Amino acid sequence: MRLEDALKMTKFESEKHKATLNLLYSTYWLKDRMSAAMKENGITAEQFNVLRILKGMHPKDMCVKDIGSRMIEKSSNVPRIIDKLLLKKLVERHPSAEDKRETMVSLTETGIDLLQKANVAMAAAHNSKIGITEDEAMQLNALLEKLRMVD
């Protein structure tokens, strides 16, 4: 869908303004589709992200602060997400052996199994919902990284 049709706008201040709105609109559009894929597995996109981060360090534990620093959505409430994953028995939490003030988190076998299923659903969503080629994805990645070089 064209941005003009989605937002019911015909004029933008500039092409950069349109690109900014296009990026924001596309982000939420994509998040909705990815969230639907995760919902089939009984988790949210943020919970999927925490599981994915933990899997990257498995079998090592991670402290909550380190998980938070790797989140895609930086405003995520990581302790609350972990609480929800605990209730589903997808992670375990315990105090750090080195620093009792730190809480360590690790994946359970149930968490690993669910993450594997969620990865399959996410891959299917990527393949069916993202209508660009691998070459176009490379170009988009380069442009997005260039966009963030301002910081």
N, C-alpha and C. Protein backbone atom coordinates (compact mmCIF):
# COMPACT_ATOMS: atom_id res chain seq x y z
N MET A 1 0.84 -1.18 0.00
CA MET A 1 0.00 0.00 0.00
C MET A 1 0.88 1.25 0.00
N ARG A 2 0.52 2.19 -0.81
CA ARG A 2 1.25 3.45 -0.85
C ARG A 2 1.02 4.23 0.43
N LEU A 3 2.02 4.95 0.87
CA LEU A 3 1.93 5.75 2.10
C LEU A 3 0.81 6.77 2.00
N GLU A 4 0.67 7.40 0.85
CA GLU A 4 -0.39 8.40 0.66
C GLU A 4 -1.76 7.80 0.92
N ASP A 5 -1.96 6.56 0.48
CA ASP A 5 -3.25 5.89 0.68
C ASP A 5 -3.42 5.50 2.15
N ALA A 6 -2.38 4.99 2.76
CA ALA A 6 -2.46 4.54 4.15
C ALA A 6 -2.74 5.71 5.10
N LEU A 7 -2.07 6.83 4.86
CA LEU A 7 -2.22 8.00 5.75
C LEU A 7 -3.25 9.01 5.25
N LYS A 8 -3.78 8.74 4.06
CA LYS A 8 -4.75 9.65 3.43
C LYS A 8 -4.18 11.07 3.34
N MET A 9 -2.95 11.13 2.82
CA MET A 9 -2.24 12.39 2.63
C MET A 9 -1.77 12.43 1.18
N THR A 10 -1.68 13.63 0.65
CA THR A 10 -1.15 13.75 -0.70
C THR A 10 0.09 14.63 -0.76
N LYS A 11 0.29 15.45 0.27
CA LYS A 11 1.44 16.36 0.26
C LYS A 11 2.28 16.15 1.52
N PHE A 12 3.58 16.19 1.32
CA PHE A 12 4.53 16.08 2.41
C PHE A 12 5.45 17.30 2.34
N GLU A 13 6.03 17.66 3.47
CA GLU A 13 6.92 18.82 3.50
C GLU A 13 8.11 18.64 2.57
N SER A 14 8.60 17.42 2.49
CA SER A 14 9.76 17.11 1.66
C SER A 14 9.83 15.59 1.50
N GLU A 15 10.73 15.13 0.66
CA GLU A 15 10.94 13.69 0.53
C GLU A 15 11.49 13.10 1.82
N LYS A 16 12.33 13.84 2.55
CA LYS A 16 12.83 13.35 3.84
C LYS A 16 11.68 13.20 4.84
N HIS A 17 10.76 14.15 4.85
CA HIS A 17 9.59 14.06 5.72
C HIS A 17 8.77 12.83 5.36
N LYS A 18 8.54 12.62 4.07
CA LYS A 18 7.80 11.45 3.63
C LYS A 18 8.54 10.17 4.02
N ALA A 19 9.87 10.15 3.84
CA ALA A 19 10.65 8.97 4.20
C ALA A 19 10.54 8.67 5.69
N THR A 20 10.56 9.71 6.50
CA THR A 20 10.44 9.52 7.96
C THR A 20 9.10 8.89 8.30
N LEU A 21 8.02 9.46 7.75
CA LEU A 21 6.68 8.90 8.00
C LEU A 21 6.56 7.49 7.44
N ASN A 22 7.16 7.27 6.28
CA ASN A 22 7.13 5.95 5.65
C ASN A 22 7.83 4.92 6.52
N LEU A 23 8.97 5.30 7.10
CA LEU A 23 9.72 4.41 7.97
C LEU A 23 8.91 4.09 9.23
N LEU A 24 8.33 5.11 9.85
CA LEU A 24 7.52 4.89 11.06
C LEU A 24 6.31 4.02 10.75
N TYR A 25 5.60 4.33 9.68
CA TYR A 25 4.42 3.55 9.31
C TYR A 25 4.81 2.10 9.03
N SER A 26 5.90 1.91 8.29
CA SER A 26 6.34 0.56 7.93
C SER A 26 6.78 -0.23 9.16
N THR A 27 7.40 0.46 10.12
CA THR A 27 7.82 -0.21 11.36
C THR A 27 6.62 -0.80 12.09
N TYR A 28 5.58 0.00 12.25
CA TYR A 28 4.39 -0.49 12.96
C TYR A 28 3.65 -1.54 12.14
N TRP A 29 3.63 -1.38 10.81
CA TRP A 29 3.01 -2.37 9.94
C TRP A 29 3.70 -3.72 10.10
N LEU A 30 5.04 -3.70 10.07
CA LEU A 30 5.82 -4.92 10.19
C LEU A 30 5.68 -5.53 11.58
N LYS A 31 5.69 -4.68 12.61
CA LYS A 31 5.56 -5.18 13.98
C LYS A 31 4.22 -5.89 14.17
N ASP A 32 3.15 -5.35 13.59
CA ASP A 32 1.84 -6.00 13.67
C ASP A 32 1.89 -7.40 13.07
N ARG A 33 2.55 -7.54 11.94
CA ARG A 33 2.63 -8.84 11.29
C ARG A 33 3.51 -9.83 12.07
N MET A 34 4.60 -9.34 12.61
CA MET A 34 5.48 -10.20 13.41
C MET A 34 4.79 -10.59 14.73
N SER A 35 4.04 -9.65 15.31
CA SER A 35 3.31 -9.95 16.55
C SER A 35 2.27 -11.04 16.31
N ALA A 36 1.63 -11.01 15.15
CA ALA A 36 0.65 -12.05 14.83
C ALA A 36 1.32 -13.42 14.75
N ALA A 37 2.53 -13.47 14.18
CA ALA A 37 3.27 -14.74 14.09
C ALA A 37 3.64 -15.24 15.49
N MET A 38 3.98 -14.33 16.39
CA MET A 38 4.37 -14.73 17.74
C MET A 38 3.14 -15.13 18.57
N LYS A 39 2.01 -14.48 18.31
CA LYS A 39 0.78 -14.78 19.05
C LYS A 39 0.39 -16.24 18.89
N GLU A 40 0.66 -16.81 17.70
CA GLU A 40 0.38 -18.23 17.45
C GLU A 40 1.16 -19.12 18.43
N ASN A 41 2.28 -18.61 18.94
CA ASN A 41 3.11 -19.37 19.88
C ASN A 41 2.88 -18.93 21.33
N GLY A 42 1.92 -18.04 21.54
CA GLY A 42 1.56 -17.63 22.89
C GLY A 42 2.53 -16.64 23.52
N ILE A 43 3.31 -15.94 22.70
CA ILE A 43 4.24 -14.95 23.23
C ILE A 43 4.11 -13.65 22.44
N THR A 44 4.65 -12.59 23.03
CA THR A 44 4.67 -11.30 22.36
C THR A 44 5.99 -11.14 21.60
N ALA A 45 6.06 -10.13 20.77
CA ALA A 45 7.30 -9.86 20.04
C ALA A 45 8.44 -9.54 21.02
N GLU A 46 8.13 -8.82 22.10
CA GLU A 46 9.15 -8.49 23.09
C GLU A 46 9.63 -9.73 23.83
N GLN A 47 8.72 -10.65 24.15
CA GLN A 47 9.10 -11.89 24.80
C GLN A 47 9.96 -12.73 23.86
N PHE A 48 9.60 -12.75 22.59
CA PHE A 48 10.41 -13.44 21.58
C PHE A 48 11.82 -12.86 21.56
N ASN A 49 11.93 -11.55 21.62
CA ASN A 49 13.23 -10.90 21.59
C ASN A 49 14.08 -11.31 22.79
N VAL A 50 13.47 -11.37 23.98
CA VAL A 50 14.21 -11.80 25.18
C VAL A 50 14.66 -13.24 25.02
N LEU A 51 13.79 -14.11 24.55
CA LEU A 51 14.17 -15.52 24.34
C LEU A 51 15.31 -15.63 23.33
N ARG A 52 15.23 -14.84 22.27
CA ARG A 52 16.27 -14.84 21.24
C ARG A 52 17.62 -14.39 21.81
N ILE A 53 17.58 -13.37 22.64
CA ILE A 53 18.81 -12.86 23.28
C ILE A 53 19.40 -13.93 24.20
N LEU A 54 18.55 -14.55 25.00
CA LEU A 54 19.03 -15.60 25.91
C LEU A 54 19.60 -16.79 25.14
N LYS A 55 18.98 -17.13 24.02
CA LYS A 55 19.47 -18.26 23.22
C LYS A 55 20.86 -17.96 22.68
N GLY A 56 21.13 -16.69 22.37
CA GLY A 56 22.44 -16.30 21.88
C GLY A 56 23.55 -16.53 22.89
N MET A 57 23.23 -16.56 24.17
CA MET A 57 24.22 -16.78 25.23
C MET A 57 24.14 -18.18 25.83
N HIS A 58 23.11 -18.93 25.46
CA HIS A 58 22.88 -20.26 26.04
C HIS A 58 24.11 -21.15 25.84
N PRO A 59 24.55 -21.89 26.83
CA PRO A 59 23.90 -22.19 28.11
C PRO A 59 24.23 -21.21 29.24
N LYS A 60 24.95 -20.15 28.95
CA LYS A 60 25.27 -19.17 29.99
C LYS A 60 24.03 -18.39 30.39
N ASP A 61 24.01 -17.94 31.64
CA ASP A 61 22.96 -17.05 32.14
C ASP A 61 23.29 -15.62 31.72
N MET A 62 22.28 -14.76 31.77
CA MET A 62 22.49 -13.34 31.50
C MET A 62 21.83 -12.54 32.60
N CYS A 63 22.43 -11.39 32.94
CA CYS A 63 21.77 -10.52 33.90
C CYS A 63 20.74 -9.67 33.16
N VAL A 64 19.75 -9.22 33.91
CA VAL A 64 18.64 -8.47 33.34
C VAL A 64 19.13 -7.21 32.62
N LYS A 65 20.11 -6.54 33.20
CA LYS A 65 20.65 -5.32 32.60
C LYS A 65 21.23 -5.60 31.21
N ASP A 66 21.96 -6.70 31.06
CA ASP A 66 22.55 -7.04 29.76
C ASP A 66 21.48 -7.41 28.73
N ILE A 67 20.44 -8.07 29.19
CA ILE A 67 19.32 -8.38 28.28
C ILE A 67 18.72 -7.08 27.78
N GLY A 68 18.47 -6.14 28.70
CA GLY A 68 17.88 -4.86 28.33
C GLY A 68 18.71 -4.09 27.33
N SER A 69 20.04 -4.18 27.45
CA SER A 69 20.92 -3.44 26.54
C SER A 69 20.88 -4.00 25.11
N ARG A 70 20.38 -5.23 24.95
CA ARG A 70 20.34 -5.87 23.63
C ARG A 70 18.95 -5.86 23.00
N MET A 71 17.99 -5.30 23.71
CA MET A 71 16.61 -5.28 23.21
C MET A 71 16.50 -4.38 21.98
N ILE A 72 15.67 -4.78 21.05
CA ILE A 72 15.40 -3.96 19.87
C ILE A 72 14.64 -2.71 20.30
N GLU A 73 13.60 -2.90 21.10
CA GLU A 73 12.81 -1.78 21.61
C GLU A 73 13.37 -1.40 22.99
N LYS A 74 14.14 -0.33 23.01
CA LYS A 74 14.88 0.05 24.22
C LYS A 74 13.99 0.42 25.39
N SER A 75 12.74 0.80 25.13
CA SER A 75 11.85 1.18 26.23
C SER A 75 11.13 -0.01 26.85
N SER A 76 11.48 -1.21 26.44
CA SER A 76 10.84 -2.42 26.97
C SER A 76 11.12 -2.56 28.47
N ASN A 77 10.11 -3.02 29.19
CA ASN A 77 10.24 -3.28 30.62
C ASN A 77 10.71 -4.73 30.78
N VAL A 78 12.01 -4.92 30.76
CA VAL A 78 12.59 -6.27 30.74
C VAL A 78 12.21 -7.09 31.98
N PRO A 79 12.26 -6.53 33.20
CA PRO A 79 11.85 -7.36 34.35
C PRO A 79 10.40 -7.86 34.23
N ARG A 80 9.51 -7.03 33.72
CA ARG A 80 8.11 -7.45 33.55
C ARG A 80 8.01 -8.55 32.48
N ILE A 81 8.76 -8.40 31.40
CA ILE A 81 8.76 -9.42 30.34
C ILE A 81 9.27 -10.74 30.90
N ILE A 82 10.33 -10.68 31.69
CA ILE A 82 10.89 -11.90 32.30
C ILE A 82 9.89 -12.54 33.25
N ASP A 83 9.16 -11.71 34.02
CA ASP A 83 8.12 -12.25 34.91
C ASP A 83 7.09 -13.06 34.11
N LYS A 84 6.69 -12.53 32.96
CA LYS A 84 5.70 -13.24 32.12
C LYS A 84 6.29 -14.55 31.57
N LEU A 85 7.57 -14.51 31.19
CA LEU A 85 8.23 -15.72 30.68
C LEU A 85 8.41 -16.75 31.80
N LEU A 86 8.63 -16.29 33.03
CA LEU A 86 8.72 -17.20 34.19
C LEU A 86 7.40 -17.94 34.39
N LEU A 87 6.30 -17.19 34.30
CA LEU A 87 4.98 -17.80 34.48
C LEU A 87 4.72 -18.90 33.44
N LYS A 88 5.28 -18.72 32.26
CA LYS A 88 5.11 -19.70 31.18
C LYS A 88 6.18 -20.80 31.24
N LYS A 89 7.06 -20.70 32.24
CA LYS A 89 8.14 -21.67 32.44
C LYS A 89 9.11 -21.74 31.26
N LEU A 90 9.32 -20.58 30.62
CA LEU A 90 10.23 -20.50 29.48
C LEU A 90 11.63 -20.06 29.90
N VAL A 91 11.74 -19.44 31.08
CA VAL A 91 13.02 -19.01 31.63
C VAL A 91 13.08 -19.33 33.11
N GLU A 92 14.28 -19.28 33.65
CA GLU A 92 14.51 -19.41 35.09
C GLU A 92 15.27 -18.18 35.54
N ARG A 93 15.05 -17.78 36.80
CA ARG A 93 15.72 -16.61 37.34
C ARG A 93 16.32 -16.98 38.69
N HIS A 94 17.54 -16.46 38.94
CA HIS A 94 18.19 -16.70 40.23
C HIS A 94 19.21 -15.59 40.48
N PRO A 95 19.60 -15.40 41.75
CA PRO A 95 20.59 -14.36 42.04
C PRO A 95 21.97 -14.73 41.48
N SER A 96 22.73 -13.73 41.14
CA SER A 96 24.09 -13.93 40.63
C SER A 96 24.98 -14.45 41.74
N ALA A 97 25.89 -15.36 41.40
CA ALA A 97 26.85 -15.87 42.37
C ALA A 97 27.88 -14.81 42.73
N GLU A 98 28.19 -13.93 41.77
CA GLU A 98 29.22 -12.90 42.01
C GLU A 98 28.65 -11.66 42.69
N ASP A 99 27.44 -11.27 42.34
CA ASP A 99 26.85 -10.04 42.87
C ASP A 99 25.38 -10.32 43.19
N LYS A 100 25.07 -10.45 44.45
CA LYS A 100 23.71 -10.81 44.88
C LYS A 100 22.66 -9.78 44.47
N ARG A 101 23.10 -8.57 44.10
CA ARG A 101 22.15 -7.55 43.66
C ARG A 101 21.67 -7.81 42.24
N GLU A 102 22.43 -8.59 41.49
CA GLU A 102 22.06 -8.89 40.11
C GLU A 102 21.19 -10.13 40.02
N THR A 103 20.24 -10.09 39.12
CA THR A 103 19.39 -11.24 38.84
C THR A 103 19.84 -11.85 37.52
N MET A 104 20.04 -13.14 37.53
CA MET A 104 20.47 -13.87 36.33
C MET A 104 19.27 -14.62 35.76
N VAL A 105 19.25 -14.73 34.43
CA VAL A 105 18.14 -15.37 33.74
C VAL A 105 18.71 -16.36 32.73
N SER A 106 18.05 -17.51 32.60
CA SER A 106 18.47 -18.50 31.60
C SER A 106 17.24 -19.15 30.99
N LEU A 107 17.43 -19.72 29.82
CA LEU A 107 16.36 -20.44 29.12
C LEU A 107 16.14 -21.81 29.76
N THR A 108 14.89 -22.24 29.77
CA THR A 108 14.58 -23.61 30.13
C THR A 108 14.49 -24.43 28.84
N GLU A 109 14.41 -25.73 28.97
CA GLU A 109 14.23 -26.57 27.78
C GLU A 109 12.92 -26.22 27.08
N THR A 110 11.89 -25.92 27.87
CA THR A 110 10.61 -25.51 27.29
C THR A 110 10.78 -24.23 26.49
N GLY A 111 11.58 -23.29 27.02
CA GLY A 111 11.86 -22.04 26.33
C GLY A 111 12.60 -22.27 25.03
N ILE A 112 13.56 -23.17 25.04
CA ILE A 112 14.32 -23.48 23.82
C ILE A 112 13.40 -24.08 22.77
N ASP A 113 12.54 -25.01 23.19
CA ASP A 113 11.61 -25.63 22.26
C ASP A 113 10.65 -24.61 21.64
N LEU A 114 10.10 -23.75 22.49
CA LEU A 114 9.17 -22.74 21.99
C LEU A 114 9.87 -21.77 21.05
N LEU A 115 11.10 -21.39 21.39
CA LEU A 115 11.85 -20.47 20.53
C LEU A 115 12.09 -21.08 19.15
N GLN A 116 12.36 -22.37 19.10
CA GLN A 116 12.55 -23.03 17.80
C GLN A 116 11.27 -22.94 16.96
N LYS A 117 10.12 -23.18 17.60
CA LYS A 117 8.84 -23.08 16.88
C LYS A 117 8.58 -21.63 16.46
N ALA A 118 8.87 -20.70 17.34
CA ALA A 118 8.66 -19.28 17.04
C ALA A 118 9.57 -18.83 15.91
N ASN A 119 10.79 -19.34 15.87
CA ASN A 119 11.71 -18.99 14.78
C ASN A 119 11.18 -19.46 13.43
N VAL A 120 10.56 -20.63 13.41
CA VAL A 120 9.96 -21.13 12.17
C VAL A 120 8.81 -20.21 11.74
N ALA A 121 7.97 -19.81 12.70
CA ALA A 121 6.85 -18.90 12.39
C ALA A 121 7.37 -17.55 11.92
N MET A 122 8.44 -17.07 12.55
CA MET A 122 9.01 -15.77 12.18
C MET A 122 9.62 -15.85 10.77
N ALA A 123 10.30 -16.94 10.46
CA ALA A 123 10.88 -17.10 9.12
C ALA A 123 9.77 -17.14 8.06
N ALA A 124 8.69 -17.84 8.36
CA ALA A 124 7.57 -17.90 7.42
C ALA A 124 6.96 -16.52 7.23
N ALA A 125 6.84 -15.76 8.33
CA ALA A 125 6.30 -14.40 8.23
C ALA A 125 7.22 -13.51 7.40
N HIS A 126 8.53 -13.65 7.62
CA HIS A 126 9.49 -12.86 6.83
C HIS A 126 9.33 -13.16 5.35
N ASN A 127 9.23 -14.45 5.02
CA ASN A 127 9.17 -14.85 3.62
C ASN A 127 7.86 -14.48 2.95
N SER A 128 6.76 -14.50 3.71
CA SER A 128 5.46 -14.23 3.09
C SER A 128 5.02 -12.78 3.21
N LYS A 129 5.54 -12.05 4.19
CA LYS A 129 5.04 -10.69 4.44
C LYS A 129 5.96 -9.59 3.94
N ILE A 130 7.20 -9.92 3.66
CA ILE A 130 8.15 -8.89 3.23
C ILE A 130 8.37 -9.05 1.73
N GLY A 131 7.79 -8.13 0.98
CA GLY A 131 7.76 -8.25 -0.47
C GLY A 131 8.94 -7.61 -1.18
N ILE A 132 10.15 -7.92 -0.71
CA ILE A 132 11.34 -7.43 -1.39
C ILE A 132 12.32 -8.59 -1.59
N THR A 133 13.21 -8.42 -2.55
CA THR A 133 14.20 -9.46 -2.84
C THR A 133 15.37 -9.34 -1.86
N GLU A 134 16.24 -10.31 -1.89
CA GLU A 134 17.45 -10.26 -1.05
C GLU A 134 18.33 -9.06 -1.42
N ASP A 135 18.46 -8.79 -2.72
CA ASP A 135 19.25 -7.63 -3.15
C ASP A 135 18.62 -6.33 -2.66
N GLU A 136 17.30 -6.23 -2.75
CA GLU A 136 16.61 -5.03 -2.26
C GLU A 136 16.76 -4.91 -0.74
N ALA A 137 16.73 -6.05 -0.05
CA ALA A 137 16.93 -6.03 1.40
C ALA A 137 18.32 -5.53 1.75
N MET A 138 19.32 -5.92 0.95
CA MET A 138 20.69 -5.41 1.18
C MET A 138 20.74 -3.90 0.99
N GLN A 139 20.09 -3.40 -0.03
CA GLN A 139 20.04 -1.96 -0.28
C GLN A 139 19.33 -1.24 0.86
N LEU A 140 18.21 -1.80 1.30
CA LEU A 140 17.46 -1.20 2.41
C LEU A 140 18.29 -1.19 3.68
N ASN A 141 18.98 -2.29 3.97
CA ASN A 141 19.84 -2.36 5.15
C ASN A 141 20.92 -1.28 5.10
N ALA A 142 21.52 -1.09 3.94
CA ALA A 142 22.56 -0.07 3.80
C ALA A 142 21.98 1.32 4.03
N LEU A 143 20.82 1.58 3.48
CA LEU A 143 20.18 2.89 3.67
C LEU A 143 19.78 3.14 5.13
N LEU A 144 19.25 2.10 5.79
CA LEU A 144 18.86 2.25 7.20
C LEU A 144 20.08 2.49 8.08
N GLU A 145 21.16 1.80 7.80
CA GLU A 145 22.38 2.02 8.58
C GLU A 145 22.93 3.41 8.32
N LYS A 146 22.85 3.88 7.09
CA LYS A 146 23.28 5.24 6.77
C LYS A 146 22.41 6.26 7.51
N LEU A 147 21.13 5.99 7.59
CA LEU A 147 20.20 6.86 8.31
C LEU A 147 20.62 7.03 9.77
N ARG A 148 21.08 5.95 10.40
CA ARG A 148 21.45 5.99 11.81
C ARG A 148 22.88 6.48 12.05
N MET A 149 23.63 6.77 11.01
CA MET A 149 25.02 7.23 11.17
C MET A 149 25.10 8.63 11.75
N VAL A 150 24.00 9.34 11.82
CA VAL A 150 23.97 10.70 12.35
C VAL A 150 24.38 10.72 13.82
N ASP A 151 23.98 9.70 14.56
CA ASP A 151 24.32 9.64 16.00
C ASP A 151 25.78 9.48 16.11
